[in-house]
Amino acid sequence: MSSGGGFGMLAGMEHENTHPGERMRSLIASVEAHLTRLKEDGVTTVEVDPDTVRAWSETASASPESPPQPIPEPAKGESPVSDPLDAIARRVASCQLCRLCETRNRTVPGQGAPNPDIMFIGEGPGADEDKQGLAFVGRAGQLLTKIITAMGYEREDVWIGNIVKCRPPNNRVPTPDEMAACMPYLKEQIALLKPKVIVCLGATAVKGLFDTQTGITKLRGQWMTFEEIDTMPTYHPAYLLRNPPAKRDVWEDMKEVLRKLGRPVPEKSKT
């Protein structure tokens, strides 16, 4: 199937009032968007006529790369980490560093407040998260919301994410190479967010951060330190759905988190 006409149109786009470098970036973005639409329509082969190739070459030679621009200062009241976090999310969206990119619907970079008191880190997205692109929105996520509320916070007050940012097929445990591919993104987010406390939800989260083989049963409730940040391992909400009595243990762990933060400690949870 030929799509030369579409590319000819893109190559002929003119932006008289923009910098040459901006014109080139705009052209590339348009081409990428056009290719994405073709792919979604099932097109696997694209023919490009010689005139289009020549036009691209001429545009590239006439469009020197703009010098790096300084990151603008945030507006008053605006978080200084919002844009960098968005940039990480965009990189995650196009990531192909491991095989999980082959089966995902949407990436799940994580979401929440900048500079939060607490950063919750789970294992990986499930089916609901894969559809919505948001972390912890399924049944386990609903239980996590109840835990967060019982602690005196709202979901918007904390940050919620996972060790891997794409759903492993059939919700299997992510492999070591999949976790290793995703960890640089998570470490960047941690460095930007600067949470006061990290809560590891389940064994995979602990293994991803600490590269330990010790089981979550032995580690939960015991303070650890990740890059100078106090870190509390506890059970994953999905485990609590299968084993409701373990909610008591998690609530004890969350009370320790509140004490560490100097926050009021409710005697009973509402989960």
Protein backbone atom coordinates (compact mmCIF):
# COMPACT_ATOMS: atom_id res chain seq x y z
CA MET A 1 0.00 0.00 0.00
CA SER A 2 1.43 3.36 -0.98
CA SER A 3 1.25 6.42 1.26
CA GLY A 4 3.58 8.64 -0.74
CA GLY A 5 0.95 11.37 -1.07
CA GLY A 6 0.68 11.73 2.69
CA PHE A 7 4.43 12.07 3.08
CA GLY A 8 4.62 14.49 0.20
CA MET A 9 2.13 16.68 1.99
CA LEU A 10 4.14 16.53 5.22
CA ALA A 11 7.40 17.31 3.45
CA GLY A 12 5.85 20.36 1.82
CA MET A 13 4.63 21.90 5.05
CA GLU A 14 5.95 25.45 5.54
CA HIS A 15 6.20 27.44 8.73
CA GLU A 16 7.37 30.86 7.68
CA ASN A 17 7.38 32.35 11.15
CA THR A 18 9.24 29.63 13.03
CA HIS A 19 12.93 28.94 13.65
CA PRO A 20 14.43 26.41 11.18
CA GLY A 21 15.17 24.00 14.03
CA GLU A 22 11.58 24.24 15.21
CA ARG A 23 10.35 23.58 11.66
CA MET A 24 12.45 20.43 11.51
CA ARG A 25 11.19 19.18 14.88
CA SER A 26 7.62 19.93 13.86
CA LEU A 27 8.14 18.02 10.62
CA ILE A 28 9.57 15.00 12.42
CA ALA A 29 6.70 15.02 14.92
CA SER A 30 4.19 15.15 12.06
CA VAL A 31 5.87 12.23 10.30
CA GLU A 32 5.90 10.18 13.51
CA ALA A 33 2.20 10.89 14.08
CA HIS A 34 1.41 9.95 10.47
CA LEU A 35 3.34 6.67 10.79
CA THR A 36 1.53 5.87 14.02
CA ARG A 37 -1.85 6.33 12.34
CA LEU A 38 -0.79 4.12 9.44
CA LYS A 39 0.38 1.42 11.81
CA GLU A 40 -2.94 1.53 13.67
CA ASP A 41 -4.69 1.12 10.30
CA GLY A 42 -2.68 -2.04 9.62
CA VAL A 43 -0.25 -0.57 7.08
CA THR A 44 3.09 -2.40 7.13
CA THR A 45 4.80 -0.97 4.04
CA VAL A 46 5.18 2.69 3.08
CA GLU A 47 6.47 3.92 -0.27
CA VAL A 48 8.16 7.31 -0.36
CA ASP A 49 8.76 9.08 -3.68
CA PRO A 50 12.23 10.52 -4.50
CA ASP A 51 10.95 14.11 -4.45
CA THR A 52 9.88 13.65 -0.82
CA VAL A 53 13.29 12.29 0.18
CA ARG A 54 14.98 15.22 -1.55
CA ALA A 55 12.68 17.68 0.21
CA TRP A 56 13.55 16.14 3.59
CA SER A 57 17.26 16.38 2.84
CA GLU A 58 16.98 20.03 1.85
CA THR A 59 14.97 20.83 4.97
CA ALA A 60 17.50 19.06 7.21
CA SER A 61 20.50 20.85 5.64
CA ALA A 62 18.77 24.22 6.03
CA SER A 63 17.78 23.58 9.63
CA PRO A 64 20.77 23.71 11.96
CA GLU A 65 20.16 22.32 15.41
CA SER A 66 19.09 25.00 17.85
CA PRO A 67 21.41 25.48 20.80
CA PRO A 68 20.23 23.83 24.04
CA GLN A 69 17.75 26.02 25.83
CA PRO A 70 17.88 26.45 29.63
CA ILE A 71 15.08 24.86 31.63
CA PRO A 72 12.71 27.72 32.50
CA GLU A 73 12.16 28.61 36.11
CA PRO A 74 8.79 27.31 37.39
CA ALA A 75 5.99 29.81 37.75
CA LYS A 76 5.03 30.89 41.24
CA GLY A 77 3.24 28.02 42.97
CA GLU A 78 4.24 25.53 40.27
CA SER A 79 6.20 22.44 41.27
CA PRO A 80 9.77 22.52 39.93
CA VAL A 81 9.63 18.78 39.13
CA SER A 82 6.42 18.65 37.08
CA ASP A 83 8.05 19.02 33.67
CA PRO A 84 10.90 16.55 34.34
CA LEU A 85 8.38 13.98 35.54
CA ASP A 86 6.34 14.50 32.39
CA ALA A 87 9.49 14.06 30.35
CA ILE A 88 10.16 10.71 32.03
CA ALA A 89 6.58 9.65 31.31
CA ARG A 90 7.03 10.50 27.64
CA ARG A 91 10.23 8.45 27.48
CA VAL A 92 8.47 5.55 29.18
CA ALA A 93 5.65 5.76 26.62
CA SER A 94 8.06 5.08 23.77
CA CYS A 95 10.35 2.68 25.66
CA GLN A 96 11.31 -0.60 23.99
CA LEU A 97 14.09 -1.72 26.33
CA CYS A 98 12.44 -5.03 27.21
CA ARG A 99 9.91 -7.46 25.80
CA LEU A 100 7.01 -6.00 27.81
CA CYS A 101 6.65 -3.30 25.16
CA GLU A 102 5.40 -6.00 22.76
CA THR A 103 2.25 -6.81 24.74
CA ARG A 104 1.32 -3.62 26.57
CA ASN A 105 -1.63 -1.41 25.70
CA ARG A 106 -0.51 1.61 27.69
CA THR A 107 2.52 2.37 29.80
CA VAL A 108 1.97 3.21 33.47
CA PRO A 109 4.63 5.69 34.60
CA GLY A 110 3.00 6.36 37.97
CA GLN A 111 1.13 9.38 39.26
CA GLY A 112 0.56 11.54 42.29
CA ALA A 113 1.85 14.56 44.16
CA PRO A 114 5.26 16.11 43.55
CA ASN A 115 7.50 16.02 46.63
CA PRO A 116 5.12 13.71 48.55
CA ASP A 117 5.46 12.47 52.11
CA ILE A 118 5.00 8.90 50.88
CA MET A 119 5.87 7.10 47.66
CA PHE A 120 4.12 3.75 47.24
CA ILE A 121 5.87 1.30 44.90
CA GLY A 122 4.23 -1.93 43.76
CA GLU A 123 5.15 -4.70 41.35
CA GLY A 124 3.67 -3.82 37.96
CA PRO A 125 0.48 -2.79 36.18
CA GLY A 126 -2.47 -5.17 35.96
CA ALA A 127 -5.21 -5.35 33.36
CA ASP A 128 -7.07 -2.24 34.58
CA GLU A 129 -3.87 -0.23 34.80
CA ASP A 130 -2.81 -1.36 31.33
CA LYS A 131 -6.10 -0.04 29.94
CA GLN A 132 -6.08 3.29 31.77
CA GLY A 133 -2.37 4.09 31.99
CA LEU A 134 -2.71 4.74 35.75
CA ALA A 135 -1.17 2.84 38.65
CA PHE A 136 -3.32 0.94 41.15
CA VAL A 137 -6.81 1.51 39.79
CA GLY A 138 -8.12 -2.07 39.97
CA ARG A 139 -9.33 -3.96 43.04
CA ALA A 140 -5.92 -3.83 44.69
CA GLY A 141 -5.78 -0.13 43.94
CA GLN A 142 -9.15 0.43 45.58
CA LEU A 143 -7.86 -1.25 48.72
CA LEU A 144 -4.70 0.86 48.60
CA THR A 145 -6.89 3.97 48.41
CA LYS A 146 -8.66 2.87 51.61
CA ILE A 147 -5.29 2.39 53.32
CA ILE A 148 -4.12 5.83 52.20
CA THR A 149 -7.35 7.43 53.41
CA ALA A 150 -7.13 5.65 56.76
CA MET A 151 -3.66 7.16 57.16
CA GLY A 152 -5.12 10.65 56.82
CA TYR A 153 -4.11 11.27 53.20
CA GLU A 154 -5.83 11.34 49.83
CA ARG A 155 -4.43 9.60 46.76
CA GLU A 156 -3.53 13.01 45.36
CA ASP A 157 -1.31 13.64 48.40
CA VAL A 158 1.01 10.69 47.76
CA TRP A 159 2.77 9.18 44.73
CA ILE A 160 1.92 5.72 43.43
CA GLY A 161 3.91 3.64 40.95
CA ASN A 162 5.52 0.28 40.22
CA ILE A 163 8.86 -1.40 39.64
CA VAL A 164 7.96 -2.04 35.98
CA LYS A 165 5.86 0.34 33.94
CA CYS A 166 4.30 -2.13 31.49
CA ARG A 167 2.00 -5.01 32.33
CA PRO A 168 3.67 -8.44 32.33
CA PRO A 169 1.49 -10.90 30.36
CA ASN A 170 -1.09 -12.67 32.51
CA ASN A 171 0.09 -10.60 35.49
CA ARG A 172 3.18 -12.78 35.91
CA VAL A 173 6.07 -11.59 38.07
CA PRO A 174 8.44 -9.39 36.05
CA THR A 175 11.76 -10.99 35.20
CA PRO A 176 15.10 -9.62 36.49
CA ASP A 177 15.99 -8.16 33.08
CA GLU A 178 12.58 -6.46 32.82
CA MET A 179 13.03 -4.90 36.25
CA ALA A 180 16.59 -3.84 35.41
CA ALA A 181 15.37 -2.12 32.22
CA CYS A 182 12.78 -0.10 34.16
CA MET A 183 14.76 0.76 37.28
CA PRO A 184 16.56 3.81 35.80
CA TYR A 185 13.17 5.46 35.22
CA LEU A 186 12.08 4.77 38.79
CA LYS A 187 15.36 6.00 40.25
CA GLU A 188 15.01 9.24 38.28
CA GLN A 189 11.49 9.67 39.63
CA ILE A 190 12.62 9.04 43.20
CA ALA A 191 15.41 11.59 42.82
CA LEU A 192 12.94 14.19 41.53
CA LEU A 193 10.11 13.45 43.96
CA LYS A 194 12.30 13.26 47.06
CA PRO A 195 9.69 11.40 49.14
CA LYS A 196 10.14 11.38 52.90
CA VAL A 197 9.24 7.68 53.04
CA ILE A 198 9.01 4.90 50.46
CA VAL A 199 6.55 2.05 51.03
CA CYS A 200 7.41 -1.13 49.13
CA LEU A 201 4.23 -3.05 48.38
CA GLY A 202 5.17 -6.71 48.13
CA ALA A 203 8.23 -8.86 47.48
CA THR A 204 8.89 -7.67 43.92
CA ALA A 205 9.07 -4.03 44.96
CA VAL A 206 11.60 -4.89 47.67
CA LYS A 207 13.62 -7.07 45.29
CA GLY A 208 13.63 -4.35 42.65
CA LEU A 209 14.95 -1.69 45.01
CA PHE A 210 17.27 -3.77 47.16
CA ASP A 211 18.19 -6.78 44.99
CA THR A 212 17.45 -9.13 47.87
CA GLN A 213 16.16 -12.68 47.88
CA THR A 214 14.77 -12.40 51.41
CA GLY A 215 11.02 -12.96 51.50
CA ILE A 216 8.55 -10.19 52.27
CA THR A 217 7.28 -12.08 55.33
CA LYS A 218 10.67 -11.63 57.01
CA LEU A 219 11.21 -8.07 55.81
CA ARG A 220 7.80 -6.46 56.33
CA GLY A 221 7.61 -4.03 59.18
CA GLN A 222 11.42 -3.58 59.28
CA TRP A 223 12.81 -0.23 58.24
CA MET A 224 15.26 -0.25 55.36
CA THR A 225 17.04 2.60 53.55
CA PHE A 226 17.04 3.24 49.81
CA GLU A 227 19.37 6.04 48.72
CA GLU A 228 19.05 7.69 52.14
CA ILE A 229 15.24 7.45 52.13
CA ASP A 230 13.48 5.52 54.91
CA THR A 231 11.73 2.58 53.30
CA MET A 232 9.02 0.35 54.77
CA PRO A 233 8.36 -3.07 53.19
CA THR A 234 4.84 -4.42 53.59
CA TYR A 235 2.40 -6.75 51.87
CA HIS A 236 0.91 -5.92 48.48
CA PRO A 237 -2.81 -5.00 48.51
CA ALA A 238 -3.47 -7.90 46.10
CA TYR A 239 -2.15 -10.26 48.78
CA LEU A 240 -4.53 -8.69 51.29
CA LEU A 241 -7.47 -9.43 49.00
CA ARG A 242 -6.52 -13.12 49.17
CA ASN A 243 -5.55 -13.04 52.83
CA PRO A 244 -7.71 -10.48 54.69
CA PRO A 245 -6.19 -11.24 58.14
CA ALA A 246 -2.88 -9.79 56.86
CA LYS A 247 -4.53 -6.35 56.77
CA ARG A 248 -3.73 -6.13 60.47
CA ASP A 249 -0.01 -6.47 59.76
CA VAL A 250 -0.10 -3.85 57.02
CA TRP A 251 -1.91 -1.42 59.27
CA GLU A 252 0.78 -1.84 61.92
CA ASP A 253 3.37 -1.07 59.25
CA MET A 254 1.47 2.02 58.15
CA LYS A 255 1.27 3.25 61.73
CA GLU A 256 5.06 3.02 61.85
CA VAL A 257 5.20 5.10 58.68
CA LEU A 258 2.98 7.76 60.26
CA ARG A 259 5.15 7.83 63.37
CA LYS A 260 8.24 8.27 61.21
CA LEU A 261 6.54 11.22 59.51
CA GLY A 262 5.37 12.72 62.80
CA ARG A 263 1.74 12.36 61.74
CA PRO A 264 -1.25 11.46 63.97
CA VAL A 265 -1.65 7.70 64.28
CA PRO A 266 -5.27 6.42 64.19
CA GLU A 267 -5.81 3.41 66.40
CA LYS A 268 -7.98 1.55 63.88
CA SER A 269 -7.93 1.39 60.11
CA LYS A 270 -11.06 1.60 57.98
CA THR A 271 -9.95 -1.07 55.53
